[in-house]
Amino acid sequence: ESLKDYVRIHTTSNRLVVKSNIGKMEEQ
């Protein structure tokens, strides 16, 4: 999920907040 200048990655075991935007994340 997008958090403006960050994204939160929800995994099966954790939630990680990363400085990125969702467009960049989608490309990966």
mmCIF file of all heavy atoms, coordinates in Angstrom:
data_MODEL
# 
_entry.id   MODEL 
# 
loop_
_atom_site.group_PDB 
_atom_site.id 
_atom_site.type_symbol 
_atom_site.label_atom_id 
_atom_site.label_alt_id 
_atom_site.label_comp_id 
_atom_site.label_asym_id 
_atom_site.label_entity_id 
_atom_site.label_seq_id 
_atom_site.pdbx_PDB_ins_code 
_atom_site.Cartn_x 
_atom_site.Cartn_y 
_atom_site.Cartn_z 
_atom_site.occupancy 
_atom_site.B_iso_or_equiv 
_atom_site.pdbx_formal_charge 
_atom_site.auth_seq_id 
_atom_site.auth_comp_id 
_atom_site.auth_asym_id 
_atom_site.auth_atom_id 
_atom_site.pdbx_PDB_model_num 
ATOM 1   N N   . GLU A 1 1  ? 0.828  -1.204  0.000   1.00 0.00 ? 1  GLU A N   1 
ATOM 2   C CA  . GLU A 1 1  ? 0.000  0.000   0.000   1.00 0.00 ? 1  GLU A CA  1 
ATOM 3   C C   . GLU A 1 1  ? 0.865  1.258   0.000   1.00 0.00 ? 1  GLU A C   1 
ATOM 4   O O   . GLU A 1 1  ? 1.962  1.281   0.553   1.00 0.00 ? 1  GLU A O   1 
ATOM 5   C CB  . GLU A 1 1  ? -0.949 0.022   1.207   1.00 0.00 ? 1  GLU A CB  1 
ATOM 6   C CG  . GLU A 1 1  ? -0.257 0.057   2.541   1.00 0.00 ? 1  GLU A CG  1 
ATOM 7   C CD  . GLU A 1 1  ? -1.222 0.159   3.714   1.00 0.00 ? 1  GLU A CD  1 
ATOM 8   O OE1 . GLU A 1 1  ? -2.178 0.965   3.627   1.00 0.00 ? 1  GLU A OE1 1 
ATOM 9   O OE2 . GLU A 1 1  ? -1.010 -0.564  4.717   1.00 0.00 ? 1  GLU A OE2 1 
ATOM 10  N N   . SER A 1 2  ? 0.364  2.293   -0.645  1.00 0.00 ? 2  SER A N   1 
ATOM 11  C CA  . SER A 1 2  ? 1.080  3.556   -0.751  1.00 0.00 ? 2  SER A CA  1 
ATOM 12  C C   . SER A 1 2  ? 0.862  4.405   0.489   1.00 0.00 ? 2  SER A C   1 
ATOM 13  O O   . SER A 1 2  ? -0.256 4.510   1.003   1.00 0.00 ? 2  SER A O   1 
ATOM 14  C CB  . SER A 1 2  ? 0.600  4.322   -1.987  1.00 0.00 ? 2  SER A CB  1 
ATOM 15  O OG  . SER A 1 2  ? 1.160  5.618   -2.027  1.00 0.00 ? 2  SER A OG  1 
ATOM 16  N N   . LEU A 1 3  ? 1.954  5.035   0.955   1.00 0.00 ? 3  LEU A N   1 
ATOM 17  C CA  . LEU A 1 3  ? 1.891  5.995   2.057   1.00 0.00 ? 3  LEU A CA  1 
ATOM 18  C C   . LEU A 1 3  ? 2.570  7.288   1.607   1.00 0.00 ? 3  LEU A C   1 
ATOM 19  O O   . LEU A 1 3  ? 3.527  7.746   2.205   1.00 0.00 ? 3  LEU A O   1 
ATOM 20  C CB  . LEU A 1 3  ? 2.591  5.426   3.301   1.00 0.00 ? 3  LEU A CB  1 
ATOM 21  C CG  . LEU A 1 3  ? 2.111  4.074   3.833   1.00 0.00 ? 3  LEU A CG  1 
ATOM 22  C CD1 . LEU A 1 3  ? 3.034  3.583   4.931   1.00 0.00 ? 3  LEU A CD1 1 
ATOM 23  C CD2 . LEU A 1 3  ? 0.677  4.178   4.341   1.00 0.00 ? 3  LEU A CD2 1 
ATOM 24  N N   . LYS A 1 4  ? 2.114  7.838   0.510   1.00 0.00 ? 4  LYS A N   1 
ATOM 25  C CA  . LYS A 1 4  ? 2.700  9.035   -0.115  1.00 0.00 ? 4  LYS A CA  1 
ATOM 26  C C   . LYS A 1 4  ? 4.135  8.764   -0.548  1.00 0.00 ? 4  LYS A C   1 
ATOM 27  O O   . LYS A 1 4  ? 4.371  8.129   -1.549  1.00 0.00 ? 4  LYS A O   1 
ATOM 28  C CB  . LYS A 1 4  ? 2.588  10.248  0.813   1.00 0.00 ? 4  LYS A CB  1 
ATOM 29  C CG  . LYS A 1 4  ? 1.152  10.705  0.998   1.00 0.00 ? 4  LYS A CG  1 
ATOM 30  C CD  . LYS A 1 4  ? 1.086  12.012  1.755   1.00 0.00 ? 4  LYS A CD  1 
ATOM 31  C CE  . LYS A 1 4  ? -0.355 12.491  1.881   1.00 0.00 ? 4  LYS A CE  1 
ATOM 32  N NZ  . LYS A 1 4  ? -0.468 13.758  2.626   1.00 0.00 ? 4  LYS A NZ  1 
ATOM 33  N N   . ASP A 1 5  ? 5.130  9.242   0.208   1.00 0.00 ? 5  ASP A N   1 
ATOM 34  C CA  . ASP A 1 5  ? 6.522  9.045   -0.179  1.00 0.00 ? 5  ASP A CA  1 
ATOM 35  C C   . ASP A 1 5  ? 7.085  7.720   0.315   1.00 0.00 ? 5  ASP A C   1 
ATOM 36  O O   . ASP A 1 5  ? 8.285  7.454   0.167   1.00 0.00 ? 5  ASP A O   1 
ATOM 37  C CB  . ASP A 1 5  ? 7.386  10.181  0.358   1.00 0.00 ? 5  ASP A CB  1 
ATOM 38  C CG  . ASP A 1 5  ? 7.023  11.522  -0.269  1.00 0.00 ? 5  ASP A CG  1 
ATOM 39  O OD1 . ASP A 1 5  ? 6.580  11.524  -1.427  1.00 0.00 ? 5  ASP A OD1 1 
ATOM 40  O OD2 . ASP A 1 5  ? 7.176  12.549  0.411   1.00 0.00 ? 5  ASP A OD2 1 
ATOM 41  N N   . TYR A 1 6  ? 6.227  6.893   0.896   1.00 0.00 ? 6  TYR A N   1 
ATOM 42  C CA  . TYR A 1 6  ? 6.644  5.586   1.397   1.00 0.00 ? 6  TYR A CA  1 
ATOM 43  C C   . TYR A 1 6  ? 5.655  4.526   0.912   1.00 0.00 ? 6  TYR A C   1 
ATOM 44  O O   . TYR A 1 6  ? 4.568  4.845   0.429   1.00 0.00 ? 6  TYR A O   1 
ATOM 45  C CB  . TYR A 1 6  ? 6.665  5.568   2.931   1.00 0.00 ? 6  TYR A CB  1 
ATOM 46  C CG  . TYR A 1 6  ? 7.759  6.435   3.534   1.00 0.00 ? 6  TYR A CG  1 
ATOM 47  C CD1 . TYR A 1 6  ? 7.587  7.816   3.663   1.00 0.00 ? 6  TYR A CD1 1 
ATOM 48  C CD2 . TYR A 1 6  ? 8.947  5.870   3.983   1.00 0.00 ? 6  TYR A CD2 1 
ATOM 49  C CE1 . TYR A 1 6  ? 8.588  8.611   4.213   1.00 0.00 ? 6  TYR A CE1 1 
ATOM 50  C CE2 . TYR A 1 6  ? 9.951  6.669   4.547   1.00 0.00 ? 6  TYR A CE2 1 
ATOM 51  C CZ  . TYR A 1 6  ? 9.761  8.030   4.651   1.00 0.00 ? 6  TYR A CZ  1 
ATOM 52  O OH  . TYR A 1 6  ? 10.747 8.812   5.193   1.00 0.00 ? 6  TYR A OH  1 
ATOM 53  N N   . VAL A 1 7  ? 6.039  3.279   1.046   1.00 0.00 ? 7  VAL A N   1 
ATOM 54  C CA  . VAL A 1 7  ? 5.101  2.176   0.831   1.00 0.00 ? 7  VAL A CA  1 
ATOM 55  C C   . VAL A 1 7  ? 5.202  1.228   2.019   1.00 0.00 ? 7  VAL A C   1 
ATOM 56  O O   . VAL A 1 7  ? 6.262  1.126   2.658   1.00 0.00 ? 7  VAL A O   1 
ATOM 57  C CB  . VAL A 1 7  ? 5.380  1.401   -0.476  1.00 0.00 ? 7  VAL A CB  1 
ATOM 58  C CG1 . VAL A 1 7  ? 5.155  2.271   -1.695  1.00 0.00 ? 7  VAL A CG1 1 
ATOM 59  C CG2 . VAL A 1 7  ? 6.770  0.799   -0.490  1.00 0.00 ? 7  VAL A CG2 1 
ATOM 60  N N   . ARG A 1 8  ? 4.091  0.560   2.316   1.00 0.00 ? 8  ARG A N   1 
ATOM 61  C CA  . ARG A 1 8  ? 4.114  -0.474  3.349   1.00 0.00 ? 8  ARG A CA  1 
ATOM 62  C C   . ARG A 1 8  ? 3.934  -1.827  2.663   1.00 0.00 ? 8  ARG A C   1 
ATOM 63  O O   . ARG A 1 8  ? 2.940  -2.049  1.963   1.00 0.00 ? 8  ARG A O   1 
ATOM 64  C CB  . ARG A 1 8  ? 3.002  -0.250  4.379   1.00 0.00 ? 8  ARG A CB  1 
ATOM 65  C CG  . ARG A 1 8  ? 3.005  -1.324  5.490   1.00 0.00 ? 8  ARG A CG  1 
ATOM 66  C CD  . ARG A 1 8  ? 1.887  -1.094  6.482   1.00 0.00 ? 8  ARG A CD  1 
ATOM 67  N NE  . ARG A 1 8  ? 2.180  0.048   7.350   1.00 0.00 ? 8  ARG A NE  1 
ATOM 68  C CZ  . ARG A 1 8  ? 1.347  1.060   7.574   1.00 0.00 ? 8  ARG A CZ  1 
ATOM 69  N NH1 . ARG A 1 8  ? 0.169  1.089   6.964   1.00 0.00 ? 8  ARG A NH1 1 
ATOM 70  N NH2 . ARG A 1 8  ? 1.682  2.041   8.366   1.00 0.00 ? 8  ARG A NH2 1 
ATOM 71  N N   . ILE A 1 9  ? 4.911  -2.701  2.861   1.00 0.00 ? 9  ILE A N   1 
ATOM 72  C CA  . ILE A 1 9  ? 4.864  -4.035  2.267   1.00 0.00 ? 9  ILE A CA  1 
ATOM 73  C C   . ILE A 1 9  ? 4.347  -5.013  3.317   1.00 0.00 ? 9  ILE A C   1 
ATOM 74  O O   . ILE A 1 9  ? 4.977  -5.221  4.358   1.00 0.00 ? 9  ILE A O   1 
ATOM 75  C CB  . ILE A 1 9  ? 6.260  -4.474  1.790   1.00 0.00 ? 9  ILE A CB  1 
ATOM 76  C CG1 . ILE A 1 9  ? 6.831  -3.455  0.796   1.00 0.00 ? 9  ILE A CG1 1 
ATOM 77  C CG2 . ILE A 1 9  ? 6.198  -5.860  1.143   1.00 0.00 ? 9  ILE A CG2 1 
ATOM 78  C CD1 . ILE A 1 9  ? 8.278  -3.722  0.419   1.00 0.00 ? 9  ILE A CD1 1 
ATOM 79  N N   . HIS A 1 10 ? 3.198  -5.588  3.041   1.00 0.00 ? 10 HIS A N   1 
ATOM 80  C CA  . HIS A 1 10 ? 2.607  -6.577  3.944   1.00 0.00 ? 10 HIS A CA  1 
ATOM 81  C C   . HIS A 1 10 ? 3.027  -7.968  3.477   1.00 0.00 ? 10 HIS A C   1 
ATOM 82  O O   . HIS A 1 10 ? 2.711  -8.374  2.354   1.00 0.00 ? 10 HIS A O   1 
ATOM 83  C CB  . HIS A 1 10 ? 1.083  -6.469  3.929   1.00 0.00 ? 10 HIS A CB  1 
ATOM 84  C CG  . HIS A 1 10 ? 0.554  -5.157  4.414   1.00 0.00 ? 10 HIS A CG  1 
ATOM 85  N ND1 . HIS A 1 10 ? -0.002 -4.988  5.670   1.00 0.00 ? 10 HIS A ND1 1 
ATOM 86  C CD2 . HIS A 1 10 ? 0.510  -3.937  3.817   1.00 0.00 ? 10 HIS A CD2 1 
ATOM 87  C CE1 . HIS A 1 10 ? -0.382 -3.722  5.820   1.00 0.00 ? 10 HIS A CE1 1 
ATOM 88  N NE2 . HIS A 1 10 ? -0.080 -3.064  4.697   1.00 0.00 ? 10 HIS A NE2 1 
ATOM 89  N N   . THR A 1 11 ? 3.740  -8.694  4.316   1.00 0.00 ? 11 THR A N   1 
ATOM 90  C CA  . THR A 1 11 ? 4.163  -10.045 3.968   1.00 0.00 ? 11 THR A CA  1 
ATOM 91  C C   . THR A 1 11 ? 3.462  -11.046 4.887   1.00 0.00 ? 11 THR A C   1 
ATOM 92  O O   . THR A 1 11 ? 2.711  -10.660 5.793   1.00 0.00 ? 11 THR A O   1 
ATOM 93  C CB  . THR A 1 11 ? 5.694  -10.205 4.098   1.00 0.00 ? 11 THR A CB  1 
ATOM 94  O OG1 . THR A 1 11 ? 6.053  -10.233 5.481   1.00 0.00 ? 11 THR A OG1 1 
ATOM 95  C CG2 . THR A 1 11 ? 6.424  -9.067  3.391   1.00 0.00 ? 11 THR A CG2 1 
ATOM 96  N N   . THR A 1 12 ? 3.733  -12.314 4.674   1.00 0.00 ? 12 THR A N   1 
ATOM 97  C CA  . THR A 1 12 ? 3.115  -13.353 5.497   1.00 0.00 ? 12 THR A CA  1 
ATOM 98  C C   . THR A 1 12 ? 3.587  -13.309 6.938   1.00 0.00 ? 12 THR A C   1 
ATOM 99  O O   . THR A 1 12 ? 2.934  -13.856 7.831   1.00 0.00 ? 12 THR A O   1 
ATOM 100 C CB  . THR A 1 12 ? 3.432  -14.737 4.908   1.00 0.00 ? 12 THR A CB  1 
ATOM 101 O OG1 . THR A 1 12 ? 4.860  -14.850 4.740   1.00 0.00 ? 12 THR A OG1 1 
ATOM 102 C CG2 . THR A 1 12 ? 2.749  -14.930 3.569   1.00 0.00 ? 12 THR A CG2 1 
ATOM 103 N N   . SER A 1 13 ? 4.723  -12.628 7.181   1.00 0.00 ? 13 SER A N   1 
ATOM 104 C CA  . SER A 1 13 ? 5.261  -12.618 8.543   1.00 0.00 ? 13 SER A CA  1 
ATOM 105 C C   . SER A 1 13 ? 5.560  -11.228 9.096   1.00 0.00 ? 13 SER A C   1 
ATOM 106 O O   . SER A 1 13 ? 5.905  -11.096 10.271  1.00 0.00 ? 13 SER A O   1 
ATOM 107 C CB  . SER A 1 13 ? 6.565  -13.434 8.595   1.00 0.00 ? 13 SER A CB  1 
ATOM 108 O OG  . SER A 1 13 ? 7.540  -12.873 7.714   1.00 0.00 ? 13 SER A OG  1 
ATOM 109 N N   . ASN A 1 14 ? 5.394  -10.176 8.256   1.00 0.00 ? 14 ASN A N   1 
ATOM 110 C CA  . ASN A 1 14 ? 5.864  -8.872  8.713   1.00 0.00 ? 14 ASN A CA  1 
ATOM 111 C C   . ASN A 1 14 ? 5.185  -7.752  7.925   1.00 0.00 ? 14 ASN A C   1 
ATOM 112 O O   . ASN A 1 14 ? 4.507  -7.992  6.927   1.00 0.00 ? 14 ASN A O   1 
ATOM 113 C CB  . ASN A 1 14 ? 7.384  -8.787  8.521   1.00 0.00 ? 14 ASN A CB  1 
ATOM 114 C CG  . ASN A 1 14 ? 8.039  -7.852  9.522   1.00 0.00 ? 14 ASN A CG  1 
ATOM 115 O OD1 . ASN A 1 14 ? 7.368  -7.055  10.168  1.00 0.00 ? 14 ASN A OD1 1 
ATOM 116 N ND2 . ASN A 1 14 ? 9.351  -7.938  9.632   1.00 0.00 ? 14 ASN A ND2 1 
ATOM 117 N N   . ARG A 1 15 ? 5.367  -6.512  8.395   1.00 0.00 ? 15 ARG A N   1 
ATOM 118 C CA  . ARG A 1 15 ? 4.972  -5.308  7.654   1.00 0.00 ? 15 ARG A CA  1 
ATOM 119 C C   . ARG A 1 15 ? 6.173  -4.377  7.640   1.00 0.00 ? 15 ARG A C   1 
ATOM 120 O O   . ARG A 1 15 ? 6.675  -3.998  8.697   1.00 0.00 ? 15 ARG A O   1 
ATOM 121 C CB  . ARG A 1 15 ? 3.770  -4.615  8.304   1.00 0.00 ? 15 ARG A CB  1 
ATOM 122 C CG  . ARG A 1 15 ? 2.479  -5.408  8.224   1.00 0.00 ? 15 ARG A CG  1 
ATOM 123 C CD  . ARG A 1 15 ? 1.289  -4.584  8.670   1.00 0.00 ? 15 ARG A CD  1 
ATOM 124 N NE  . ARG A 1 15 ? 1.455  -4.079  10.028  1.00 0.00 ? 15 ARG A NE  1 
ATOM 125 C CZ  . ARG A 1 15 ? 0.638  -3.211  10.607  1.00 0.00 ? 15 ARG A CZ  1 
ATOM 126 N NH1 . ARG A 1 15 ? -0.397 -2.721  9.944   1.00 0.00 ? 15 ARG A NH1 1 
ATOM 127 N NH2 . ARG A 1 15 ? 0.855  -2.801  11.841  1.00 0.00 ? 15 ARG A NH2 1 
ATOM 128 N N   . LEU A 1 16 ? 6.620  -4.003  6.455   1.00 0.00 ? 16 LEU A N   1 
ATOM 129 C CA  . LEU A 1 16 ? 7.824  -3.194  6.317   1.00 0.00 ? 16 LEU A CA  1 
ATOM 130 C C   . LEU A 1 16 ? 7.488  -1.882  5.633   1.00 0.00 ? 16 LEU A C   1 
ATOM 131 O O   . LEU A 1 16 ? 6.831  -1.867  4.586   1.00 0.00 ? 16 LEU A O   1 
ATOM 132 C CB  . LEU A 1 16 ? 8.868  -3.944  5.486   1.00 0.00 ? 16 LEU A CB  1 
ATOM 133 C CG  . LEU A 1 16 ? 9.303  -5.322  6.014   1.00 0.00 ? 16 LEU A CG  1 
ATOM 134 C CD1 . LEU A 1 16 ? 10.138 -6.039  4.974   1.00 0.00 ? 16 LEU A CD1 1 
ATOM 135 C CD2 . LEU A 1 16 ? 10.079 -5.162  7.306   1.00 0.00 ? 16 LEU A CD2 1 
ATOM 136 N N   . VAL A 1 17 ? 7.943  -0.770  6.211   1.00 0.00 ? 17 VAL A N   1 
ATOM 137 C CA  . VAL A 1 17 ? 7.738  0.546   5.615   1.00 0.00 ? 17 VAL A CA  1 
ATOM 138 C C   . VAL A 1 17 ? 9.028  0.961   4.920   1.00 0.00 ? 17 VAL A C   1 
ATOM 139 O O   . VAL A 1 17 ? 10.097 0.997   5.540   1.00 0.00 ? 17 VAL A O   1 
ATOM 140 C CB  . VAL A 1 17 ? 7.324  1.593   6.666   1.00 0.00 ? 17 VAL A CB  1 
ATOM 141 C CG1 . VAL A 1 17 ? 7.215  2.972   6.026   1.00 0.00 ? 17 VAL A CG1 1 
ATOM 142 C CG2 . VAL A 1 17 ? 5.987  1.197   7.304   1.00 0.00 ? 17 VAL A CG2 1 
ATOM 143 N N   . VAL A 1 18 ? 8.909  1.266   3.617   1.00 0.00 ? 18 VAL A N   1 
ATOM 144 C CA  . VAL A 1 18 ? 10.075 1.544   2.780   1.00 0.00 ? 18 VAL A CA  1 
ATOM 145 C C   . VAL A 1 18 ? 9.905  2.915   2.130   1.00 0.00 ? 18 VAL A C   1 
ATOM 146 O O   . VAL A 1 18 ? 8.806  3.241   1.649   1.00 0.00 ? 18 VAL A O   1 
ATOM 147 C CB  . VAL A 1 18 ? 10.223 0.468   1.682   1.00 0.00 ? 18 VAL A CB  1 
ATOM 148 C CG1 . VAL A 1 18 ? 11.430 0.752   0.807   1.00 0.00 ? 18 VAL A CG1 1 
ATOM 149 C CG2 . VAL A 1 18 ? 10.307 -0.920  2.306   1.00 0.00 ? 18 VAL A CG2 1 
ATOM 150 N N   . LYS A 1 19 ? 10.980 3.707   2.087   1.00 0.00 ? 19 LYS A N   1 
ATOM 151 C CA  . LYS A 1 19 ? 10.926 4.984   1.385   1.00 0.00 ? 19 LYS A CA  1 
ATOM 152 C C   . LYS A 1 19 ? 10.970 4.720   -0.117  1.00 0.00 ? 19 LYS A C   1 
ATOM 153 O O   . LYS A 1 19 ? 12.012 4.384   -0.677  1.00 0.00 ? 19 LYS A O   1 
ATOM 154 C CB  . LYS A 1 19 ? 12.073 5.906   1.799   1.00 0.00 ? 19 LYS A CB  1 
ATOM 155 C CG  . LYS A 1 19 ? 11.961 7.302   1.176   1.00 0.00 ? 19 LYS A CG  1 
ATOM 156 C CD  . LYS A 1 19 ? 12.936 8.276   1.795   1.00 0.00 ? 19 LYS A CD  1 
ATOM 157 C CE  . LYS A 1 19 ? 12.852 9.652   1.137   1.00 0.00 ? 19 LYS A CE  1 
ATOM 158 N NZ  . LYS A 1 19 ? 11.490 10.215  1.134   1.00 0.00 ? 19 LYS A NZ  1 
ATOM 159 N N   . SER A 1 20 ? 9.826  4.841   -0.754  1.00 0.00 ? 20 SER A N   1 
ATOM 160 C CA  . SER A 1 20 ? 9.686  4.601   -2.189  1.00 0.00 ? 20 SER A CA  1 
ATOM 161 C C   . SER A 1 20 ? 8.288  5.044   -2.561  1.00 0.00 ? 20 SER A C   1 
ATOM 162 O O   . SER A 1 20 ? 7.486  5.415   -1.694  1.00 0.00 ? 20 SER A O   1 
ATOM 163 C CB  . SER A 1 20 ? 9.894  3.116   -2.511  1.00 0.00 ? 20 SER A CB  1 
ATOM 164 O OG  . SER A 1 20 ? 9.789  2.884   -3.896  1.00 0.00 ? 20 SER A OG  1 
ATOM 165 N N   . ASN A 1 21 ? 7.968  5.027   -3.853  1.00 0.00 ? 21 ASN A N   1 
ATOM 166 C CA  . ASN A 1 21 ? 6.578  5.243   -4.238  1.00 0.00 ? 21 ASN A CA  1 
ATOM 167 C C   . ASN A 1 21 ? 6.052  3.982   -4.891  1.00 0.00 ? 21 ASN A C   1 
ATOM 168 O O   . ASN A 1 21 ? 6.822  3.101   -5.298  1.00 0.00 ? 21 ASN A O   1 
ATOM 169 C CB  . ASN A 1 21 ? 6.419  6.470   -5.155  1.00 0.00 ? 21 ASN A CB  1 
ATOM 170 C CG  . ASN A 1 21 ? 7.164  6.324   -6.458  1.00 0.00 ? 21 ASN A CG  1 
ATOM 171 O OD1 . ASN A 1 21 ? 6.960  5.373   -7.200  1.00 0.00 ? 21 ASN A OD1 1 
ATOM 172 N ND2 . ASN A 1 21 ? 8.035  7.275   -6.761  1.00 0.00 ? 21 ASN A ND2 1 
ATOM 173 N N   . ILE A 1 22 ? 4.750  3.883   -4.998  1.00 0.00 ? 22 ILE A N   1 
ATOM 174 C CA  . ILE A 1 22 ? 4.164  2.622   -5.438  1.00 0.00 ? 22 ILE A CA  1 
ATOM 175 C C   . ILE A 1 22 ? 4.462  2.333   -6.905  1.00 0.00 ? 22 ILE A C   1 
ATOM 176 O O   . ILE A 1 22 ? 4.518  1.178   -7.322  1.00 0.00 ? 22 ILE A O   1 
ATOM 177 C CB  . ILE A 1 22 ? 2.652  2.600   -5.139  1.00 0.00 ? 22 ILE A CB  1 
ATOM 178 C CG1 . ILE A 1 22 ? 2.147  1.156   -5.126  1.00 0.00 ? 22 ILE A CG1 1 
ATOM 179 C CG2 . ILE A 1 22 ? 1.882  3.482   -6.123  1.00 0.00 ? 22 ILE A CG2 1 
ATOM 180 C CD1 . ILE A 1 22 ? 0.887  0.938   -4.347  1.00 0.00 ? 22 ILE A CD1 1 
ATOM 181 N N   . GLY A 1 23 ? 4.686  3.388   -7.706  1.00 0.00 ? 23 GLY A N   1 
ATOM 182 C CA  . GLY A 1 23 ? 5.054  3.169   -9.102  1.00 0.00 ? 23 GLY A CA  1 
ATOM 183 C C   . GLY A 1 23 ? 6.404  2.489   -9.223  1.00 0.00 ? 23 GLY A C   1 
ATOM 184 O O   . GLY A 1 23 ? 6.571  1.548   -10.008 1.00 0.00 ? 23 GLY A O   1 
ATOM 185 N N   . LYS A 1 24 ? 7.380  2.955   -8.462  1.00 0.00 ? 24 LYS A N   1 
ATOM 186 C CA  . LYS A 1 24 ? 8.700  2.330   -8.469  1.00 0.00 ? 24 LYS A CA  1 
ATOM 187 C C   . LYS A 1 24 ? 8.612  0.890   -7.973  1.00 0.00 ? 24 LYS A C   1 
ATOM 188 O O   . LYS A 1 24 ? 9.270  -0.004  -8.505  1.00 0.00 ? 24 LYS A O   1 
ATOM 189 C CB  . LYS A 1 24 ? 9.655  3.111   -7.566  1.00 0.00 ? 24 LYS A CB  1 
ATOM 190 C CG  . LYS A 1 24 ? 10.316 4.300   -8.226  1.00 0.00 ? 24 LYS A CG  1 
ATOM 191 C CD  . LYS A 1 24 ? 11.367 4.870   -7.299  1.00 0.00 ? 24 LYS A CD  1 
ATOM 192 C CE  . LYS A 1 24 ? 12.115 6.028   -7.958  1.00 0.00 ? 24 LYS A CE  1 
ATOM 193 N NZ  . LYS A 1 24 ? 13.129 6.611   -7.053  1.00 0.00 ? 24 LYS A NZ  1 
ATOM 194 N N   . MET A 1 25 ? 7.809  0.682   -6.941  1.00 0.00 ? 25 MET A N   1 
ATOM 195 C CA  . MET A 1 25 ? 7.664  -0.663  -6.397  1.00 0.00 ? 25 MET A CA  1 
ATOM 196 C C   . MET A 1 25 ? 7.048  -1.603  -7.429  1.00 0.00 ? 25 MET A C   1 
ATOM 197 O O   . MET A 1 25 ? 7.485  -2.752  -7.589  1.00 0.00 ? 25 MET A O   1 
ATOM 198 C CB  . MET A 1 25 ? 6.795  -0.605  -5.137  1.00 0.00 ? 25 MET A CB  1 
ATOM 199 C CG  . MET A 1 25 ? 6.799  -1.881  -4.321  1.00 0.00 ? 25 MET A CG  1 
ATOM 200 S SD  . MET A 1 25 ? 8.421  -2.385  -3.702  1.00 0.00 ? 25 MET A SD  1 
ATOM 201 C CE  . MET A 1 25 ? 8.912  -0.958  -2.734  1.00 0.00 ? 25 MET A CE  1 
ATOM 202 N N   . GLU A 1 26 ? 6.061  -1.113  -8.156  1.00 0.00 ? 26 GLU A N   1 
ATOM 203 C CA  . GLU A 1 26 ? 5.411  -1.929  -9.183  1.00 0.00 ? 26 GLU A CA  1 
ATOM 204 C C   . GLU A 1 26 ? 6.416  -2.377  -10.243 1.00 0.00 ? 26 GLU A C   1 
ATOM 205 O O   . GLU A 1 26 ? 6.353  -3.511  -10.734 1.00 0.00 ? 26 GLU A O   1 
ATOM 206 C CB  . GLU A 1 26 ? 4.279  -1.140  -9.834  1.00 0.00 ? 26 GLU A CB  1 
ATOM 207 C CG  . GLU A 1 26 ? 3.479  -1.937  -10.849 1.00 0.00 ? 26 GLU A CG  1 
ATOM 208 C CD  . GLU A 1 26 ? 2.362  -1.118  -11.479 1.00 0.00 ? 26 GLU A CD  1 
ATOM 209 O OE1 . GLU A 1 26 ? 2.394  0.125   -11.349 1.00 0.00 ? 26 GLU A OE1 1 
ATOM 210 O OE2 . GLU A 1 26 ? 1.471  -1.715  -12.096 1.00 0.00 ? 26 GLU A OE2 1 
ATOM 211 N N   . GLU A 1 27 ? 7.357  -1.514  -10.586 1.00 0.00 ? 27 GLU A N   1 
ATOM 212 C CA  . GLU A 1 27 ? 8.357  -1.852  -11.602 1.00 0.00 ? 27 GLU A CA  1 
ATOM 213 C C   . GLU A 1 27 ? 9.291  -2.967  -11.155 1.00 0.00 ? 27 GLU A C   1 
ATOM 214 O O   . GLU A 1 27 ? 9.885  -3.655  -11.986 1.00 0.00 ? 27 GLU A O   1 
ATOM 215 C CB  . GLU A 1 27 ? 9.183  -0.615  -11.957 1.00 0.00 ? 27 GLU A CB  1 
ATOM 216 C CG  . GLU A 1 27 ? 8.429  0.417   -12.772 1.00 0.00 ? 27 GLU A CG  1 
ATOM 217 C CD  . GLU A 1 27 ? 9.339  1.510   -13.283 1.00 0.00 ? 27 GLU A CD  1 
ATOM 218 O OE1 . GLU A 1 27 ? 10.491 1.592   -12.803 1.00 0.00 ? 27 GLU A OE1 1 
ATOM 219 O OE2 . GLU A 1 27 ? 8.903  2.274   -14.153 1.00 0.00 ? 27 GLU A OE2 1 
ATOM 220 N N   . GLN A 1 28 ? 9.429  -3.171  -9.858  1.00 0.00 ? 28 GLN A N   1 
ATOM 221 C CA  . GLN A 1 28 ? 10.321 -4.206  -9.344  1.00 0.00 ? 28 GLN A CA  1 
ATOM 222 C C   . GLN A 1 28 ? 9.642  -5.571  -9.255  1.00 0.00 ? 28 GLN A C   1 
ATOM 223 O O   . GLN A 1 28 ? 10.313 -6.569  -8.980  1.00 0.00 ? 28 GLN A O   1 
ATOM 224 C CB  . GLN A 1 28 ? 10.842 -3.809  -7.955  1.00 0.00 ? 28 GLN A CB  1 
ATOM 225 C CG  . GLN A 1 28 ? 11.745 -2.593  -7.959  1.00 0.00 ? 28 GLN A CG  1 
ATOM 226 C CD  . GLN A 1 28 ? 12.247 -2.267  -6.567  1.00 0.00 ? 28 GLN A CD  1 
ATOM 227 O OE1 . GLN A 1 28 ? 11.686 -1.441  -5.858  1.00 0.00 ? 28 GLN A OE1 1 
ATOM 228 N NE2 . GLN A 1 28 ? 13.325 -2.914  -6.158  1.00 0.00 ? 28 GLN A NE2 1 
# 
